[in-house]
N, C-alpha and C. Protein backbone atom coordinates (compact mmCIF):
# COMPACT_ATOMS: atom_id res chain seq x y z
N MET A 1 30.64 -66.01 34.13
CA MET A 1 29.75 -67.15 33.94
C MET A 1 28.76 -67.23 35.10
N GLU A 2 27.51 -67.54 34.79
CA GLU A 2 26.48 -67.65 35.81
C GLU A 2 26.65 -68.97 36.57
N LYS A 3 26.46 -68.88 37.88
CA LYS A 3 26.58 -70.08 38.70
C LYS A 3 25.21 -70.65 39.00
N THR A 4 25.17 -71.96 39.08
CA THR A 4 23.94 -72.68 39.39
C THR A 4 24.06 -73.24 40.80
N PRO A 5 23.08 -72.94 41.67
CA PRO A 5 23.15 -73.49 43.03
C PRO A 5 22.87 -74.99 43.03
N THR A 6 23.42 -75.65 44.01
CA THR A 6 23.12 -77.07 44.19
C THR A 6 21.77 -77.19 44.88
N LEU A 7 21.17 -78.36 44.79
CA LEU A 7 19.90 -78.61 45.48
C LEU A 7 20.08 -78.38 46.99
N ALA A 8 21.20 -78.81 47.53
CA ALA A 8 21.46 -78.63 48.96
C ALA A 8 21.49 -77.15 49.33
N GLN A 9 22.10 -76.32 48.49
CA GLN A 9 22.13 -74.88 48.75
C GLN A 9 20.73 -74.28 48.71
N VAL A 10 19.95 -74.68 47.72
CA VAL A 10 18.58 -74.17 47.59
C VAL A 10 17.75 -74.56 48.81
N LEU A 11 17.83 -75.82 49.22
CA LEU A 11 17.05 -76.29 50.37
C LEU A 11 17.49 -75.62 51.66
N LEU A 12 18.78 -75.44 51.85
CA LEU A 12 19.29 -74.77 53.05
C LEU A 12 18.81 -73.33 53.11
N GLU A 13 18.87 -72.62 51.99
CA GLU A 13 18.45 -71.22 51.98
C GLU A 13 16.94 -71.12 52.17
N ARG A 14 16.18 -72.05 51.61
CA ARG A 14 14.72 -72.07 51.80
C ARG A 14 14.40 -72.24 53.29
N GLU A 15 15.14 -73.11 53.96
CA GLU A 15 14.94 -73.33 55.40
C GLU A 15 15.30 -72.08 56.20
N ARG A 16 16.40 -71.44 55.85
CA ARG A 16 16.80 -70.20 56.54
C ARG A 16 15.73 -69.12 56.39
N LYS A 17 15.22 -69.00 55.17
CA LYS A 17 14.19 -67.99 54.90
C LYS A 17 12.94 -68.28 55.73
N ALA A 18 12.50 -69.53 55.76
CA ALA A 18 11.31 -69.91 56.53
C ALA A 18 11.51 -69.62 58.01
N LYS A 19 12.68 -69.91 58.54
CA LYS A 19 12.96 -69.62 59.96
C LYS A 19 12.95 -68.12 60.22
N ALA A 20 13.50 -67.35 59.29
CA ALA A 20 13.51 -65.89 59.45
C ALA A 20 12.09 -65.34 59.44
N VAL A 21 11.27 -65.83 58.53
CA VAL A 21 9.87 -65.39 58.47
C VAL A 21 9.18 -65.68 59.80
N MET A 22 9.32 -66.89 60.30
CA MET A 22 8.68 -67.25 61.57
C MET A 22 9.21 -66.41 62.72
N HIS A 23 10.49 -66.11 62.70
CA HIS A 23 11.08 -65.26 63.74
C HIS A 23 10.41 -63.90 63.76
N PHE A 24 10.26 -63.28 62.59
CA PHE A 24 9.67 -61.94 62.55
C PHE A 24 8.18 -61.97 62.87
N CYS A 25 7.49 -63.01 62.44
CA CYS A 25 6.07 -63.13 62.78
C CYS A 25 5.88 -63.21 64.29
N THR A 26 6.62 -64.11 64.90
CA THR A 26 6.38 -64.39 66.32
C THR A 26 7.08 -63.41 67.26
N SER A 27 8.26 -62.93 66.92
CA SER A 27 8.96 -62.03 67.84
C SER A 27 8.42 -60.61 67.77
N GLU A 28 8.03 -60.17 66.59
CA GLU A 28 7.53 -58.80 66.46
C GLU A 28 6.01 -58.73 66.46
N ARG A 29 5.36 -59.90 66.30
CA ARG A 29 3.90 -59.97 66.28
C ARG A 29 3.30 -59.00 65.27
N LEU A 30 3.91 -59.01 64.06
CA LEU A 30 3.45 -58.17 62.97
C LEU A 30 3.23 -59.03 61.73
N THR A 31 2.42 -58.53 60.81
CA THR A 31 2.27 -59.17 59.52
C THR A 31 3.62 -59.14 58.82
N THR A 32 3.98 -60.25 58.19
CA THR A 32 5.30 -60.38 57.57
C THR A 32 5.13 -60.68 56.08
N LEU A 33 5.96 -60.02 55.28
CA LEU A 33 5.98 -60.22 53.83
C LEU A 33 7.33 -60.79 53.44
N ALA A 34 7.30 -61.95 52.80
CA ALA A 34 8.52 -62.55 52.24
C ALA A 34 8.46 -62.32 50.74
N PHE A 35 9.43 -61.59 50.20
CA PHE A 35 9.45 -61.25 48.79
C PHE A 35 10.64 -61.88 48.10
N SER A 36 10.37 -62.50 46.97
CA SER A 36 11.43 -63.02 46.10
C SER A 36 10.92 -62.94 44.66
N LEU A 37 11.76 -63.34 43.75
CA LEU A 37 11.36 -63.38 42.34
C LEU A 37 11.11 -64.83 41.94
N ASN A 38 10.10 -65.03 41.12
CA ASN A 38 9.76 -66.35 40.61
C ASN A 38 10.58 -66.55 39.34
N ILE A 39 11.71 -67.25 39.48
CA ILE A 39 12.66 -67.43 38.38
C ILE A 39 12.79 -68.92 38.05
N PRO A 40 12.16 -69.36 36.96
CA PRO A 40 12.32 -70.76 36.59
C PRO A 40 13.72 -71.03 36.03
N GLY A 41 14.14 -72.25 36.17
CA GLY A 41 15.45 -72.63 35.64
C GLY A 41 16.50 -72.70 36.72
N PRO A 42 17.68 -73.16 36.35
CA PRO A 42 18.74 -73.39 37.34
C PRO A 42 19.43 -72.12 37.83
N VAL A 43 19.49 -71.08 37.00
CA VAL A 43 20.18 -69.84 37.40
C VAL A 43 19.20 -68.96 38.15
N LYS A 44 19.51 -68.65 39.39
CA LYS A 44 18.63 -67.87 40.25
C LYS A 44 19.16 -66.48 40.55
N SER A 45 20.40 -66.21 40.14
CA SER A 45 21.01 -64.93 40.44
C SER A 45 21.96 -64.54 39.31
N ASN A 46 21.72 -63.35 38.76
CA ASN A 46 22.63 -62.76 37.78
C ASN A 46 22.35 -61.26 37.75
N ARG A 47 22.99 -60.54 36.86
CA ARG A 47 22.84 -59.08 36.82
C ARG A 47 21.39 -58.67 36.56
N ILE A 48 20.73 -59.32 35.62
CA ILE A 48 19.34 -58.97 35.28
C ILE A 48 18.41 -59.25 36.46
N ILE A 49 18.54 -60.40 37.05
CA ILE A 49 17.71 -60.75 38.21
C ILE A 49 17.95 -59.76 39.34
N ASP A 50 19.21 -59.44 39.61
CA ASP A 50 19.55 -58.52 40.69
C ASP A 50 18.96 -57.13 40.44
N GLN A 51 19.03 -56.65 39.21
CA GLN A 51 18.48 -55.33 38.89
C GLN A 51 16.95 -55.32 39.01
N CYS A 52 16.31 -56.38 38.57
CA CYS A 52 14.85 -56.47 38.70
C CYS A 52 14.43 -56.58 40.16
N PHE A 53 15.21 -57.29 40.95
CA PHE A 53 14.94 -57.40 42.38
C PHE A 53 15.05 -56.02 43.03
N SER A 54 16.12 -55.29 42.73
CA SER A 54 16.31 -53.95 43.30
C SER A 54 15.18 -53.02 42.89
N TRP A 55 14.79 -53.06 41.62
CA TRP A 55 13.69 -52.23 41.14
C TRP A 55 12.41 -52.57 41.90
N SER A 56 12.17 -53.85 42.10
CA SER A 56 10.95 -54.30 42.78
C SER A 56 10.93 -53.86 44.24
N ILE A 57 12.07 -53.94 44.91
CA ILE A 57 12.16 -53.47 46.30
C ILE A 57 11.79 -51.99 46.36
N ASP A 58 12.35 -51.19 45.45
CA ASP A 58 12.04 -49.75 45.41
C ASP A 58 10.55 -49.53 45.15
N ALA A 59 9.97 -50.28 44.22
CA ALA A 59 8.55 -50.14 43.90
C ALA A 59 7.68 -50.53 45.10
N LEU A 60 8.05 -51.59 45.80
CA LEU A 60 7.30 -51.99 47.00
C LEU A 60 7.38 -50.91 48.07
N ARG A 61 8.55 -50.35 48.27
CA ARG A 61 8.72 -49.30 49.29
C ARG A 61 7.92 -48.05 48.94
N MET A 62 7.84 -47.72 47.65
CA MET A 62 7.05 -46.56 47.24
C MET A 62 5.56 -46.84 47.39
N GLY A 63 5.13 -48.03 47.02
CA GLY A 63 3.72 -48.38 47.09
C GLY A 63 3.23 -48.67 48.50
N PHE A 64 4.14 -49.11 49.34
CA PHE A 64 3.80 -49.50 50.71
C PHE A 64 4.83 -48.91 51.68
N PRO A 65 4.78 -47.60 51.90
CA PRO A 65 5.82 -46.94 52.71
C PRO A 65 5.91 -47.43 54.15
N ALA A 66 4.87 -48.07 54.66
CA ALA A 66 4.91 -48.57 56.04
C ALA A 66 5.68 -49.89 56.17
N LEU A 67 6.05 -50.50 55.04
CA LEU A 67 6.84 -51.74 55.11
C LEU A 67 8.20 -51.46 55.74
N ALA A 68 8.58 -52.29 56.68
CA ALA A 68 9.91 -52.17 57.30
C ALA A 68 10.77 -53.33 56.82
N LEU A 69 11.85 -53.02 56.12
CA LEU A 69 12.76 -54.06 55.63
C LEU A 69 13.53 -54.63 56.81
N LYS A 70 13.40 -55.92 57.03
CA LYS A 70 14.06 -56.59 58.15
C LYS A 70 15.26 -57.41 57.72
N LEU A 71 15.21 -57.96 56.50
CA LEU A 71 16.28 -58.81 56.02
C LEU A 71 16.31 -58.77 54.51
N GLU A 72 17.50 -58.61 53.96
CA GLU A 72 17.67 -58.70 52.51
C GLU A 72 18.82 -59.65 52.25
N HIS A 73 18.55 -60.64 51.42
CA HIS A 73 19.56 -61.66 51.10
C HIS A 73 19.77 -61.70 49.60
N ARG A 74 21.02 -61.69 49.20
CA ARG A 74 21.36 -61.86 47.78
C ARG A 74 22.45 -62.92 47.71
N GLY A 75 22.18 -63.92 46.93
CA GLY A 75 23.16 -65.00 46.81
C GLY A 75 22.84 -65.89 45.63
N ILE A 76 23.61 -66.94 45.50
CA ILE A 76 23.51 -67.85 44.36
C ILE A 76 22.13 -68.50 44.25
N THR A 77 21.42 -68.63 45.37
CA THR A 77 20.11 -69.26 45.36
C THR A 77 18.99 -68.28 45.03
N GLY A 78 19.34 -67.03 44.78
CA GLY A 78 18.36 -66.01 44.42
C GLY A 78 18.12 -65.04 45.55
N PRO A 79 17.79 -63.81 45.19
CA PRO A 79 17.58 -62.79 46.22
C PRO A 79 16.20 -62.92 46.86
N TYR A 80 16.12 -62.50 48.12
CA TYR A 80 14.83 -62.37 48.79
C TYR A 80 14.93 -61.31 49.87
N ALA A 81 13.78 -60.81 50.26
CA ALA A 81 13.71 -59.81 51.32
C ALA A 81 12.54 -60.15 52.23
N ILE A 82 12.67 -59.77 53.47
CA ILE A 82 11.59 -59.96 54.43
C ILE A 82 11.27 -58.61 55.06
N PHE A 83 9.98 -58.28 55.03
CA PHE A 83 9.48 -57.03 55.58
C PHE A 83 8.46 -57.35 56.67
N THR A 84 8.28 -56.40 57.59
CA THR A 84 7.15 -56.48 58.51
C THR A 84 6.34 -55.20 58.34
N ILE A 85 5.07 -55.30 58.75
CA ILE A 85 4.18 -54.15 58.65
C ILE A 85 3.07 -54.32 59.67
N ASP A 86 2.66 -53.21 60.26
CA ASP A 86 1.56 -53.23 61.21
C ASP A 86 0.27 -53.06 60.39
N SER A 87 -0.19 -54.17 59.83
CA SER A 87 -1.35 -54.17 58.95
C SER A 87 -2.01 -55.53 59.06
N GLU A 88 -3.28 -55.56 58.77
CA GLU A 88 -4.01 -56.82 58.77
C GLU A 88 -3.56 -57.63 57.56
N ALA A 89 -3.24 -58.90 57.75
CA ALA A 89 -2.62 -59.73 56.70
C ALA A 89 -3.49 -59.90 55.46
N VAL A 90 -4.78 -60.14 55.63
CA VAL A 90 -5.66 -60.36 54.48
C VAL A 90 -5.74 -59.09 53.64
N SER A 91 -5.87 -57.96 54.30
CA SER A 91 -5.92 -56.68 53.59
C SER A 91 -4.63 -56.43 52.81
N LEU A 92 -3.49 -56.70 53.46
CA LEU A 92 -2.20 -56.52 52.79
C LEU A 92 -2.08 -57.44 51.58
N LYS A 93 -2.49 -58.69 51.73
CA LYS A 93 -2.39 -59.64 50.60
C LYS A 93 -3.22 -59.15 49.42
N LYS A 94 -4.42 -58.66 49.68
CA LYS A 94 -5.27 -58.13 48.60
C LYS A 94 -4.60 -56.93 47.92
N GLN A 95 -4.01 -56.06 48.71
CA GLN A 95 -3.32 -54.89 48.14
C GLN A 95 -2.11 -55.33 47.31
N LEU A 96 -1.40 -56.34 47.78
CA LEU A 96 -0.22 -56.83 47.05
C LEU A 96 -0.62 -57.54 45.76
N ILE A 97 -1.75 -58.22 45.76
CA ILE A 97 -2.23 -58.84 44.52
C ILE A 97 -2.53 -57.75 43.50
N ALA A 98 -3.17 -56.67 43.93
CA ALA A 98 -3.45 -55.54 43.03
C ALA A 98 -2.15 -54.92 42.54
N PHE A 99 -1.17 -54.80 43.42
CA PHE A 99 0.15 -54.27 43.06
C PHE A 99 0.80 -55.15 42.00
N GLU A 100 0.78 -56.45 42.25
CA GLU A 100 1.34 -57.44 41.33
C GLU A 100 0.70 -57.33 39.94
N GLU A 101 -0.62 -57.22 39.93
CA GLU A 101 -1.35 -57.18 38.67
C GLU A 101 -1.11 -55.89 37.89
N SER A 102 -0.71 -54.82 38.58
CA SER A 102 -0.46 -53.55 37.90
C SER A 102 1.03 -53.33 37.59
N CYS A 103 1.88 -54.18 38.13
CA CYS A 103 3.33 -54.04 37.99
C CYS A 103 3.78 -54.66 36.65
N PRO A 104 4.66 -53.97 35.92
CA PRO A 104 5.10 -54.51 34.63
C PRO A 104 5.78 -55.89 34.71
N ILE A 105 6.38 -56.20 35.84
CA ILE A 105 6.98 -57.54 36.01
C ILE A 105 6.30 -58.29 37.16
N GLY A 106 5.06 -57.94 37.40
CA GLY A 106 4.31 -58.53 38.51
C GLY A 106 4.22 -60.04 38.48
N ARG A 107 4.19 -60.62 37.31
CA ARG A 107 4.09 -62.08 37.20
C ARG A 107 5.33 -62.78 37.77
N PHE A 108 6.42 -62.05 37.85
CA PHE A 108 7.66 -62.63 38.37
C PHE A 108 7.83 -62.39 39.87
N LEU A 109 6.93 -61.62 40.47
CA LEU A 109 7.04 -61.32 41.89
C LEU A 109 6.39 -62.43 42.71
N ASP A 110 7.07 -62.82 43.76
CA ASP A 110 6.54 -63.80 44.69
C ASP A 110 6.39 -63.08 46.02
N LEU A 111 5.15 -62.72 46.35
CA LEU A 111 4.85 -61.91 47.53
C LEU A 111 4.03 -62.75 48.51
N ASP A 112 4.71 -63.35 49.47
CA ASP A 112 4.05 -64.23 50.43
C ASP A 112 3.78 -63.47 51.73
N VAL A 113 2.52 -63.44 52.12
CA VAL A 113 2.10 -62.72 53.32
C VAL A 113 1.78 -63.72 54.43
N PHE A 114 2.27 -63.41 55.63
CA PHE A 114 2.07 -64.26 56.80
C PHE A 114 1.44 -63.45 57.92
N THR A 115 0.48 -64.06 58.61
CA THR A 115 -0.13 -63.42 59.77
C THR A 115 0.90 -63.35 60.90
N LYS A 116 0.56 -62.60 61.93
CA LYS A 116 1.50 -62.51 63.07
C LYS A 116 1.64 -63.85 63.80
N GLU A 117 0.73 -64.79 63.52
CA GLU A 117 0.86 -66.14 64.07
C GLU A 117 1.69 -67.05 63.17
N GLY A 118 2.04 -66.56 61.99
CA GLY A 118 2.87 -67.34 61.07
C GLY A 118 2.11 -68.11 60.01
N ASN A 119 0.82 -67.86 59.86
CA ASN A 119 0.02 -68.54 58.84
C ASN A 119 0.08 -67.78 57.53
N GLN A 120 0.35 -68.48 56.44
CA GLN A 120 0.44 -67.84 55.13
C GLN A 120 -0.96 -67.63 54.55
N ILE A 121 -1.16 -66.47 53.93
CA ILE A 121 -2.41 -66.13 53.26
C ILE A 121 -2.22 -66.40 51.77
N SER A 122 -3.05 -67.26 51.21
CA SER A 122 -2.90 -67.61 49.78
C SER A 122 -3.88 -66.83 48.93
N ARG A 123 -3.56 -66.73 47.66
CA ARG A 123 -4.45 -66.09 46.67
C ARG A 123 -5.80 -66.80 46.63
N THR A 124 -5.74 -68.13 46.58
CA THR A 124 -6.96 -68.90 46.37
C THR A 124 -7.91 -68.82 47.57
N GLU A 125 -7.38 -68.74 48.77
CA GLU A 125 -8.29 -68.66 49.92
C GLU A 125 -8.99 -67.30 49.97
N LEU A 126 -8.50 -66.34 49.21
CA LEU A 126 -9.15 -65.03 49.12
C LEU A 126 -10.04 -64.93 47.88
N GLY A 127 -10.15 -66.04 47.14
CA GLY A 127 -11.02 -66.07 45.97
C GLY A 127 -10.36 -65.67 44.67
N TYR A 128 -9.05 -65.47 44.68
CA TYR A 128 -8.33 -65.14 43.46
C TYR A 128 -7.92 -66.43 42.75
N PRO A 129 -7.82 -66.38 41.43
CA PRO A 129 -7.40 -67.59 40.71
C PRO A 129 -5.92 -67.90 40.95
N GLU A 130 -5.58 -69.15 40.78
CA GLU A 130 -4.17 -69.52 40.86
C GLU A 130 -3.44 -68.88 39.68
N ARG A 131 -2.15 -68.78 39.80
CA ARG A 131 -1.36 -68.15 38.74
C ARG A 131 -1.35 -69.00 37.48
N CYS A 132 -1.31 -68.29 36.35
CA CYS A 132 -1.21 -68.96 35.05
C CYS A 132 0.25 -69.21 34.72
N CYS A 133 0.45 -70.18 33.89
CA CYS A 133 1.78 -70.51 33.38
C CYS A 133 2.37 -69.31 32.63
N PHE A 134 3.68 -69.17 32.64
CA PHE A 134 4.35 -68.12 31.89
C PHE A 134 4.10 -68.25 30.39
N LEU A 135 4.00 -69.48 29.90
CA LEU A 135 3.97 -69.73 28.47
C LEU A 135 2.59 -70.03 27.88
N CYS A 136 1.64 -70.38 28.72
CA CYS A 136 0.30 -70.67 28.22
C CYS A 136 -0.71 -70.19 29.26
N GLU A 137 -1.94 -70.37 29.00
CA GLU A 137 -2.99 -69.88 29.91
C GLU A 137 -3.41 -70.90 30.97
N LYS A 138 -2.75 -72.04 30.99
CA LYS A 138 -3.11 -73.08 31.96
C LYS A 138 -2.56 -72.75 33.34
N ASN A 139 -3.03 -73.49 34.33
CA ASN A 139 -2.57 -73.33 35.70
C ASN A 139 -1.07 -73.63 35.77
N ALA A 140 -0.31 -72.71 36.39
CA ALA A 140 1.15 -72.84 36.46
C ALA A 140 1.57 -74.11 37.20
N LYS A 141 0.88 -74.44 38.28
CA LYS A 141 1.24 -75.65 39.04
C LYS A 141 1.02 -76.91 38.20
N ASP A 142 -0.09 -76.92 37.45
CA ASP A 142 -0.36 -78.08 36.60
C ASP A 142 0.71 -78.22 35.52
N CYS A 143 1.07 -77.10 34.89
CA CYS A 143 2.11 -77.15 33.85
C CYS A 143 3.43 -77.65 34.43
N GLY A 144 3.75 -77.19 35.62
CA GLY A 144 4.98 -77.62 36.27
C GLY A 144 4.95 -79.10 36.61
N ARG A 145 3.86 -79.53 37.18
CA ARG A 145 3.71 -80.94 37.56
C ARG A 145 3.74 -81.85 36.34
N ASN A 146 3.11 -81.40 35.25
CA ASN A 146 3.04 -82.20 34.02
C ASN A 146 4.25 -82.01 33.12
N ARG A 147 5.13 -81.10 33.51
CA ARG A 147 6.31 -80.77 32.69
C ARG A 147 5.88 -80.43 31.26
N SER A 148 4.88 -79.57 31.17
CA SER A 148 4.32 -79.16 29.87
C SER A 148 5.31 -78.37 29.03
N HIS A 149 6.25 -77.71 29.70
CA HIS A 149 7.25 -76.89 29.01
C HIS A 149 8.62 -77.24 29.57
N SER A 150 9.63 -77.12 28.74
CA SER A 150 10.98 -77.44 29.21
C SER A 150 11.50 -76.31 30.10
N VAL A 151 12.42 -76.66 30.95
CA VAL A 151 13.06 -75.67 31.82
C VAL A 151 13.73 -74.60 30.97
N GLU A 152 14.33 -75.01 29.86
CA GLU A 152 15.00 -74.06 28.97
C GLU A 152 14.01 -73.05 28.39
N GLU A 153 12.82 -73.53 27.97
CA GLU A 153 11.80 -72.63 27.44
C GLU A 153 11.39 -71.59 28.49
N LEU A 154 11.14 -72.06 29.69
CA LEU A 154 10.73 -71.16 30.78
C LEU A 154 11.82 -70.18 31.15
N ALA A 155 13.06 -70.67 31.24
CA ALA A 155 14.18 -69.80 31.59
C ALA A 155 14.44 -68.77 30.49
N ASP A 156 14.36 -69.19 29.24
CA ASP A 156 14.55 -68.24 28.11
C ASP A 156 13.48 -67.16 28.13
N TYR A 157 12.24 -67.56 28.33
CA TYR A 157 11.14 -66.60 28.39
C TYR A 157 11.39 -65.58 29.51
N THR A 158 11.75 -66.09 30.68
CA THR A 158 11.98 -65.21 31.84
C THR A 158 13.12 -64.25 31.57
N ARG A 159 14.22 -64.75 31.07
CA ARG A 159 15.39 -63.92 30.77
C ARG A 159 15.03 -62.81 29.79
N LYS A 160 14.31 -63.16 28.73
CA LYS A 160 13.92 -62.17 27.71
C LYS A 160 12.96 -61.13 28.28
N GLU A 161 11.98 -61.57 29.03
CA GLU A 161 11.00 -60.64 29.60
C GLU A 161 11.65 -59.66 30.58
N LEU A 162 12.51 -60.17 31.46
CA LEU A 162 13.15 -59.30 32.45
C LEU A 162 14.14 -58.35 31.79
N ALA A 163 14.89 -58.82 30.79
CA ALA A 163 15.83 -57.97 30.07
C ALA A 163 15.07 -56.87 29.31
N SER A 164 13.98 -57.22 28.69
CA SER A 164 13.15 -56.25 27.97
C SER A 164 12.60 -55.20 28.93
N PHE A 165 12.15 -55.63 30.08
CA PHE A 165 11.66 -54.68 31.09
C PHE A 165 12.75 -53.70 31.50
N LEU A 166 13.95 -54.19 31.76
CA LEU A 166 15.03 -53.33 32.20
C LEU A 166 15.41 -52.32 31.13
N LYS A 167 15.38 -52.71 29.87
CA LYS A 167 15.69 -51.76 28.77
C LYS A 167 14.72 -50.59 28.77
N LYS A 168 13.47 -50.86 29.11
CA LYS A 168 12.45 -49.81 29.14
C LYS A 168 12.59 -48.92 30.38
N GLU A 169 13.03 -49.53 31.49
CA GLU A 169 13.10 -48.80 32.77
C GLU A 169 14.38 -48.00 32.94
N ILE A 170 15.47 -48.50 32.40
CA ILE A 170 16.77 -47.85 32.66
C ILE A 170 17.19 -46.96 31.51
C-alpha cells in the first residue's frame, strides 16, 4: 500500500532540502540544481515515481556530464537530488528548459537552478512562459489556486502518464 506523508513531514523535508541547497551554493560557490518530480496528489513516492526519478537522473547525467551529484534523497515525501556545476546559472537554466521541453516526461521535472549566492533563477525572469496545467492549457498556478481540477484528476493523470512512459522505456 502506498503511504501518504503528513503535512509536517512534507514541510520538514522541504526545509531540509532548502538548507542543503543553500549549503552547496555558499560552501562550494557553484551553481546548484535542485531536482525533483512535480507529482500532484498525496502520494509522492511509489515504484513508478521512483523509476521515473531514476530515469531522469540518468538522462540529466547524460545531457549534462559536468553535473556533480551532491545529495540524493528518496523517501515518503518524494525523491529529490541536488547537483552542483561550474556553470553560469542563467545559461544552465536555459539549457535545462530546453532539456525539459525535449524530454518525454519533461512536464513532470522540477529543475530549480540557484546562483552561487543562492538566488533562484525562474523561467519567467528569462522570458519563458509559466507552466501550463497538466489537464488544460491554462496557467498551472492559476488552476491550482482556483482548484480548477480535483486532486484525484491530477493524480490519476500523472500516474497514467508516468506509467505509460515507463512501458515505452523499459
